[in-house]
Amino acid sequence: MDHGSAQQSLTKLAVSATLHCLTGCAIGEVLGMVIGTALGWSNFATVVLSVVLAFVFGYSLTIRPVLKSGVALSVAIGVAFAADTVSIAVMEIIDNAVMLLVPGAMEAGLANWLFWASLAFSLAVAFVVTVPVNRWLISRGKGHAVVHQYHGGDHEGHHQH
């Protein structure tokens, strides 16, 4: 594999890892924002709930396939922490910062397009910022790279049972 295709493959892997992270983060983020907004919580409490749920769902999406490979729960949890912590943290910092910076987004309410447009925009910005972070981590054998030995399919055949 030449240097250009190796770099392209690394970028493709980082995009895949970031999409995986985005899925868990988005589920937790949306759920947290909806619950906090519906209950009339402060911005701080809503953001805390969103972050906690993003980590829970993000880790869960990694733990499940790792468990299917036959490892113990404690190993799967360790793999998820190693694979996803930095990615989820960066994504949550960016998407919550964007939500807080969009004027009126947090106060708009669930029936207002501004809330939903801001949330979608914040997740898109977080994705764009997190791809290079994941690329850097994977290139050093860290982050999502640690999960590849436990599940295959879209990860270049690193399937092992």
C-alpha atoms as a PDB file:
ATOM      1  CA  MET A   1       0.000   0.000   0.000  1.00  0.00           C
ATOM      2  CA  ASP A   2       1.485   3.344  -0.978  1.00  0.00           C
ATOM      3  CA  HIS A   3       1.660   6.288   1.390  1.00  0.00           C
ATOM      4  CA  GLY A   4      -1.315   8.071  -0.218  1.00  0.00           C
ATOM      5  CA  SER A   5      -3.664   5.098   0.035  1.00  0.00           C
ATOM      6  CA  ALA A   6      -2.478   4.405   3.605  1.00  0.00           C
ATOM      7  CA  GLN A   7      -3.346   7.990   4.531  1.00  0.00           C
ATOM      8  CA  GLN A   8      -6.716   7.673   2.756  1.00  0.00           C
ATOM      9  CA  SER A   9      -7.419   4.396   4.584  1.00  0.00           C
ATOM     10  CA  LEU A  10      -6.523   6.010   7.912  1.00  0.00           C
ATOM     11  CA  THR A  11      -8.870   8.914   7.182  1.00  0.00           C
ATOM     12  CA  LYS A  12     -11.646   6.498   6.167  1.00  0.00           C
ATOM     13  CA  LEU A  13     -11.154   4.586   9.426  1.00  0.00           C
ATOM     14  CA  ALA A  14     -11.246   7.848  11.418  1.00  0.00           C
ATOM     15  CA  VAL A  15     -14.486   8.889   9.707  1.00  0.00           C
ATOM     16  CA  SER A  16     -15.987   5.461  10.495  1.00  0.00           C
ATOM     17  CA  ALA A  17     -14.870   5.674  14.142  1.00  0.00           C
ATOM     18  CA  THR A  18     -16.246   9.205  14.427  1.00  0.00           C
ATOM     19  CA  LEU A  19     -19.592   8.191  12.917  1.00  0.00           C
ATOM     20  CA  HIS A  20     -19.732   5.376  15.485  1.00  0.00           C
ATOM     21  CA  CYS A  21     -18.991   7.872  18.249  1.00  0.00           C
ATOM     22  CA  LEU A  22     -21.469  10.365  16.813  1.00  0.00           C
ATOM     23  CA  THR A  23     -24.237   7.760  16.966  1.00  0.00           C
ATOM     24  CA  GLY A  24     -23.837   7.159  20.695  1.00  0.00           C
ATOM     25  CA  CYS A  25     -23.208  10.824  21.429  1.00  0.00           C
ATOM     26  CA  ALA A  26     -26.217  11.931  19.401  1.00  0.00           C
ATOM     27  CA  ILE A  27     -28.551   9.492  21.160  1.00  0.00           C
ATOM     28  CA  GLY A  28     -27.362  10.660  24.588  1.00  0.00           C
ATOM     29  CA  GLU A  29     -27.139  14.305  23.607  1.00  0.00           C
ATOM     30  CA  VAL A  30     -30.624  14.456  22.092  1.00  0.00           C
ATOM     31  CA  LEU A  31     -32.139  12.509  24.973  1.00  0.00           C
ATOM     32  CA  GLY A  32     -30.409  14.736  27.549  1.00  0.00           C
ATOM     33  CA  MET A  33     -31.378  17.961  25.772  1.00  0.00           C
ATOM     34  CA  VAL A  34     -34.978  16.791  25.386  1.00  0.00           C
ATOM     35  CA  ILE A  35     -35.295  15.700  29.036  1.00  0.00           C
ATOM     36  CA  GLY A  36     -33.572  18.796  30.438  1.00  0.00           C
ATOM     37  CA  THR A  37     -35.506  21.175  28.202  1.00  0.00           C
ATOM     38  CA  ALA A  38     -38.854  19.450  28.819  1.00  0.00           C
ATOM     39  CA  LEU A  39     -38.297  19.603  32.584  1.00  0.00           C
ATOM     40  CA  GLY A  40     -37.224  23.242  32.435  1.00  0.00           C
ATOM     41  CA  TRP A  41     -33.788  22.502  33.869  1.00  0.00           C
ATOM     42  CA  SER A  42     -30.980  25.045  33.808  1.00  0.00           C
ATOM     43  CA  ASN A  43     -28.516  25.001  30.923  1.00  0.00           C
ATOM     44  CA  PHE A  44     -25.882  23.552  33.244  1.00  0.00           C
ATOM     45  CA  ALA A  45     -28.059  20.662  34.448  1.00  0.00           C
ATOM     46  CA  THR A  46     -29.224  19.922  30.896  1.00  0.00           C
ATOM     47  CA  VAL A  47     -25.653  19.869  29.576  1.00  0.00           C
ATOM     48  CA  VAL A  48     -24.493  17.615  32.437  1.00  0.00           C
ATOM     49  CA  LEU A  49     -27.320  15.157  31.735  1.00  0.00           C
ATOM     50  CA  SER A  50     -26.554  15.237  27.993  1.00  0.00           C
ATOM     51  CA  VAL A  51     -22.861  14.549  28.569  1.00  0.00           C
ATOM     52  CA  VAL A  52     -23.526  11.690  30.988  1.00  0.00           C
ATOM     53  CA  LEU A  53     -26.012  10.085  28.597  1.00  0.00           C
ATOM     54  CA  ALA A  54     -23.670  10.575  25.624  1.00  0.00           C
ATOM     55  CA  PHE A  55     -20.936   8.671  27.449  1.00  0.00           C
ATOM     56  CA  VAL A  56     -23.380   5.930  28.519  1.00  0.00           C
ATOM     57  CA  PHE A  57     -24.723   5.407  24.997  1.00  0.00           C
ATOM     58  CA  GLY A  58     -21.303   5.866  23.361  1.00  0.00           C
ATOM     59  CA  TYR A  59     -19.683   3.250  25.577  1.00  0.00           C
ATOM     60  CA  SER A  60     -22.688   0.926  25.214  1.00  0.00           C
ATOM     61  CA  LEU A  61     -22.396   0.924  21.424  1.00  0.00           C
ATOM     62  CA  THR A  62     -18.794  -0.239  21.747  1.00  0.00           C
ATOM     63  CA  ILE A  63     -19.280  -2.709  24.603  1.00  0.00           C
ATOM     64  CA  ARG A  64     -22.028  -4.685  22.863  1.00  0.00           C
ATOM     65  CA  PRO A  65     -20.027  -5.904  19.819  1.00  0.00           C
ATOM     66  CA  VAL A  66     -16.934  -6.469  21.959  1.00  0.00           C
ATOM     67  CA  LEU A  67     -18.981  -8.705  24.271  1.00  0.00           C
ATOM     68  CA  LYS A  68     -20.164 -10.638  21.201  1.00  0.00           C
ATOM     69  CA  SER A  69     -16.533 -11.535  20.510  1.00  0.00           C
ATOM     70  CA  GLY A  70     -16.628 -13.613  23.707  1.00  0.00           C
ATOM     71  CA  VAL A  71     -14.664 -11.484  26.169  1.00  0.00           C
ATOM     72  CA  ALA A  72     -15.647 -10.779  29.771  1.00  0.00           C
ATOM     73  CA  LEU A  73     -17.699  -7.679  30.608  1.00  0.00           C
ATOM     74  CA  SER A  74     -14.747  -6.152  32.476  1.00  0.00           C
ATOM     75  CA  VAL A  75     -12.569  -6.498  29.359  1.00  0.00           C
ATOM     76  CA  ALA A  76     -15.301  -5.047  27.135  1.00  0.00           C
ATOM     77  CA  ILE A  77     -15.706  -2.051  29.463  1.00  0.00           C
ATOM     78  CA  GLY A  78     -11.945  -1.467  29.436  1.00  0.00           C
ATOM     79  CA  VAL A  79     -11.864  -1.645  25.646  1.00  0.00           C
ATOM     80  CA  ALA A  80     -14.757   0.844  25.404  1.00  0.00           C
ATOM     81  CA  PHE A  81     -13.067   3.272  27.783  1.00  0.00           C
ATOM     82  CA  ALA A  82      -9.808   3.054  25.831  1.00  0.00           C
ATOM     83  CA  ALA A  83     -11.530   3.279  22.455  1.00  0.00           C
ATOM     84  CA  ASP A  84     -14.047   6.032  23.044  1.00  0.00           C
ATOM     85  CA  THR A  85     -13.205   8.317  25.973  1.00  0.00           C
ATOM     86  CA  VAL A  86     -11.204  10.958  24.097  1.00  0.00           C
ATOM     87  CA  SER A  87     -13.514  10.894  21.078  1.00  0.00           C
ATOM     88  CA  ILE A  88     -16.680  11.265  23.171  1.00  0.00           C
ATOM     89  CA  ALA A  89     -15.103  13.966  25.337  1.00  0.00           C
ATOM     90  CA  VAL A  90     -14.055  16.069  22.326  1.00  0.00           C
ATOM     91  CA  MET A  91     -17.433  15.577  20.668  1.00  0.00           C
ATOM     92  CA  GLU A  92     -19.306  16.575  23.836  1.00  0.00           C
ATOM     93  CA  ILE A  93     -17.170  19.655  24.493  1.00  0.00           C
ATOM     94  CA  ILE A  94     -17.704  20.898  20.945  1.00  0.00           C
ATOM     95  CA  ASP A  95     -21.390  20.117  20.552  1.00  0.00           C
ATOM     96  CA  ASN A  96     -22.366  21.529  23.945  1.00  0.00           C
ATOM     97  CA  ALA A  97     -20.240  24.637  23.382  1.00  0.00           C
ATOM     98  CA  VAL A  98     -21.986  25.220  20.063  1.00  0.00           C
ATOM     99  CA  MET A  99     -25.418  24.719  21.657  1.00  0.00           C
ATOM    100  CA  LEU A 100     -24.533  27.248  24.356  1.00  0.00           C
ATOM    101  CA  LEU A 101     -23.119  29.728  21.817  1.00  0.00           C
ATOM    102  CA  VAL A 102     -26.134  29.741  19.485  1.00  0.00           C
ATOM    103  CA  PRO A 103     -28.281  32.603  20.812  1.00  0.00           C
ATOM    104  CA  GLY A 104     -31.544  31.281  22.230  1.00  0.00           C
ATOM    105  CA  ALA A 105     -30.946  27.627  21.305  1.00  0.00           C
ATOM    106  CA  MET A 106     -31.121  26.256  24.843  1.00  0.00           C
ATOM    107  CA  GLU A 107     -34.170  28.351  25.702  1.00  0.00           C
ATOM    108  CA  ALA A 108     -36.013  27.736  22.422  1.00  0.00           C
ATOM    109  CA  GLY A 109     -38.005  24.742  23.607  1.00  0.00           C
ATOM    110  CA  LEU A 110     -38.677  21.406  21.972  1.00  0.00           C
ATOM    111  CA  ALA A 111     -41.365  22.721  19.610  1.00  0.00           C
ATOM    112  CA  ASN A 112     -39.063  25.395  18.167  1.00  0.00           C
ATOM    113  CA  TRP A 113     -37.047  24.766  14.996  1.00  0.00           C
ATOM    114  CA  LEU A 114     -34.135  26.769  16.468  1.00  0.00           C
ATOM    115  CA  PHE A 115     -33.571  24.120  19.150  1.00  0.00           C
ATOM    116  CA  TRP A 116     -33.488  21.244  16.660  1.00  0.00           C
ATOM    117  CA  ALA A 117     -31.496  23.102  13.991  1.00  0.00           C
ATOM    118  CA  SER A 118     -28.940  24.162  16.609  1.00  0.00           C
ATOM    119  CA  LEU A 119     -28.667  20.614  17.947  1.00  0.00           C
ATOM    120  CA  ALA A 120     -28.146  19.180  14.443  1.00  0.00           C
ATOM    121  CA  PHE A 121     -25.602  21.915  13.650  1.00  0.00           C
ATOM    122  CA  SER A 122     -23.749  21.336  16.940  1.00  0.00           C
ATOM    123  CA  LEU A 123     -23.432  17.610  16.239  1.00  0.00           C
ATOM    124  CA  ALA A 124     -22.205  18.285  12.687  1.00  0.00           C
ATOM    125  CA  VAL A 125     -19.549  20.701  13.957  1.00  0.00           C
ATOM    126  CA  ALA A 126     -18.506  18.175  16.626  1.00  0.00           C
ATOM    127  CA  PHE A 127     -18.161  15.476  13.946  1.00  0.00           C
ATOM    128  CA  VAL A 128     -15.920  17.674  11.764  1.00  0.00           C
ATOM    129  CA  VAL A 129     -13.695  18.583  14.726  1.00  0.00           C
ATOM    130  CA  THR A 130     -13.515  15.003  16.062  1.00  0.00           C
ATOM    131  CA  VAL A 131     -12.487  13.241  12.806  1.00  0.00           C
ATOM    132  CA  PRO A 132      -8.895  14.572  12.894  1.00  0.00           C
ATOM    133  CA  VAL A 133      -8.668  13.759  16.620  1.00  0.00           C
ATOM    134  CA  ASN A 134      -9.701  10.165  15.942  1.00  0.00           C
ATOM    135  CA  ARG A 135      -7.353   9.989  12.938  1.00  0.00           C
ATOM    136  CA  TRP A 136      -4.456  11.064  15.117  1.00  0.00           C
ATOM    137  CA  LEU A 137      -5.375   8.560  17.853  1.00  0.00           C
ATOM    138  CA  ILE A 138      -5.814   5.650  15.418  1.00  0.00           C
ATOM    139  CA  SER A 139      -2.508   6.448  13.707  1.00  0.00           C
ATOM    140  CA  ARG A 140      -0.839   5.902  17.089  1.00  0.00           C
ATOM    141  CA  GLY A 141      -2.704   2.666  17.862  1.00  0.00           C
ATOM    142  CA  LYS A 142      -4.951   4.404  20.372  1.00  0.00           C
ATOM    143  CA  GLY A 143      -8.637   5.362  20.517  1.00  0.00           C
ATOM    144  CA  HIS A 144     -10.870   3.327  18.251  1.00  0.00           C
ATOM    145  CA  ALA A 145      -7.870   1.286  17.015  1.00  0.00           C
ATOM    146  CA  VAL A 146      -7.971  -0.780  20.230  1.00  0.00           C
ATOM    147  CA  VAL A 147     -11.429  -2.132  19.429  1.00  0.00           C
ATOM    148  CA  HIS A 148     -10.572  -3.577  16.004  1.00  0.00           C
ATOM    149  CA  GLN A 149      -9.326  -6.894  17.287  1.00  0.00           C
ATOM    150  CA  TYR A 150     -12.745  -7.504  18.838  1.00  0.00           C
ATOM    151  CA  HIS A 151     -15.043  -6.864  15.899  1.00  0.00           C
ATOM    152  CA  GLY A 152     -14.753  -6.750  12.143  1.00  0.00           C
ATOM    153  CA  GLY A 153     -16.967  -5.979   9.254  1.00  0.00           C
ATOM    154  CA  ASP A 154     -16.361  -2.335   8.430  1.00  0.00           C
ATOM    155  CA  HIS A 155     -12.900  -2.279   9.972  1.00  0.00           C
ATOM    156  CA  GLU A 156     -10.711  -3.819   7.277  1.00  0.00           C
ATOM    157  CA  GLY A 157     -11.120  -7.418   8.357  1.00  0.00           C
ATOM    158  CA  HIS A 158      -9.616  -7.282  11.838  1.00  0.00           C
ATOM    159  CA  HIS A 159     -12.154  -9.834  12.997  1.00  0.00           C
ATOM    160  CA  GLN A 160     -11.083 -12.243  15.686  1.00  0.00           C
ATOM    161  CA  HIS A 161     -13.001 -14.791  17.759  1.00  0.00           C
END
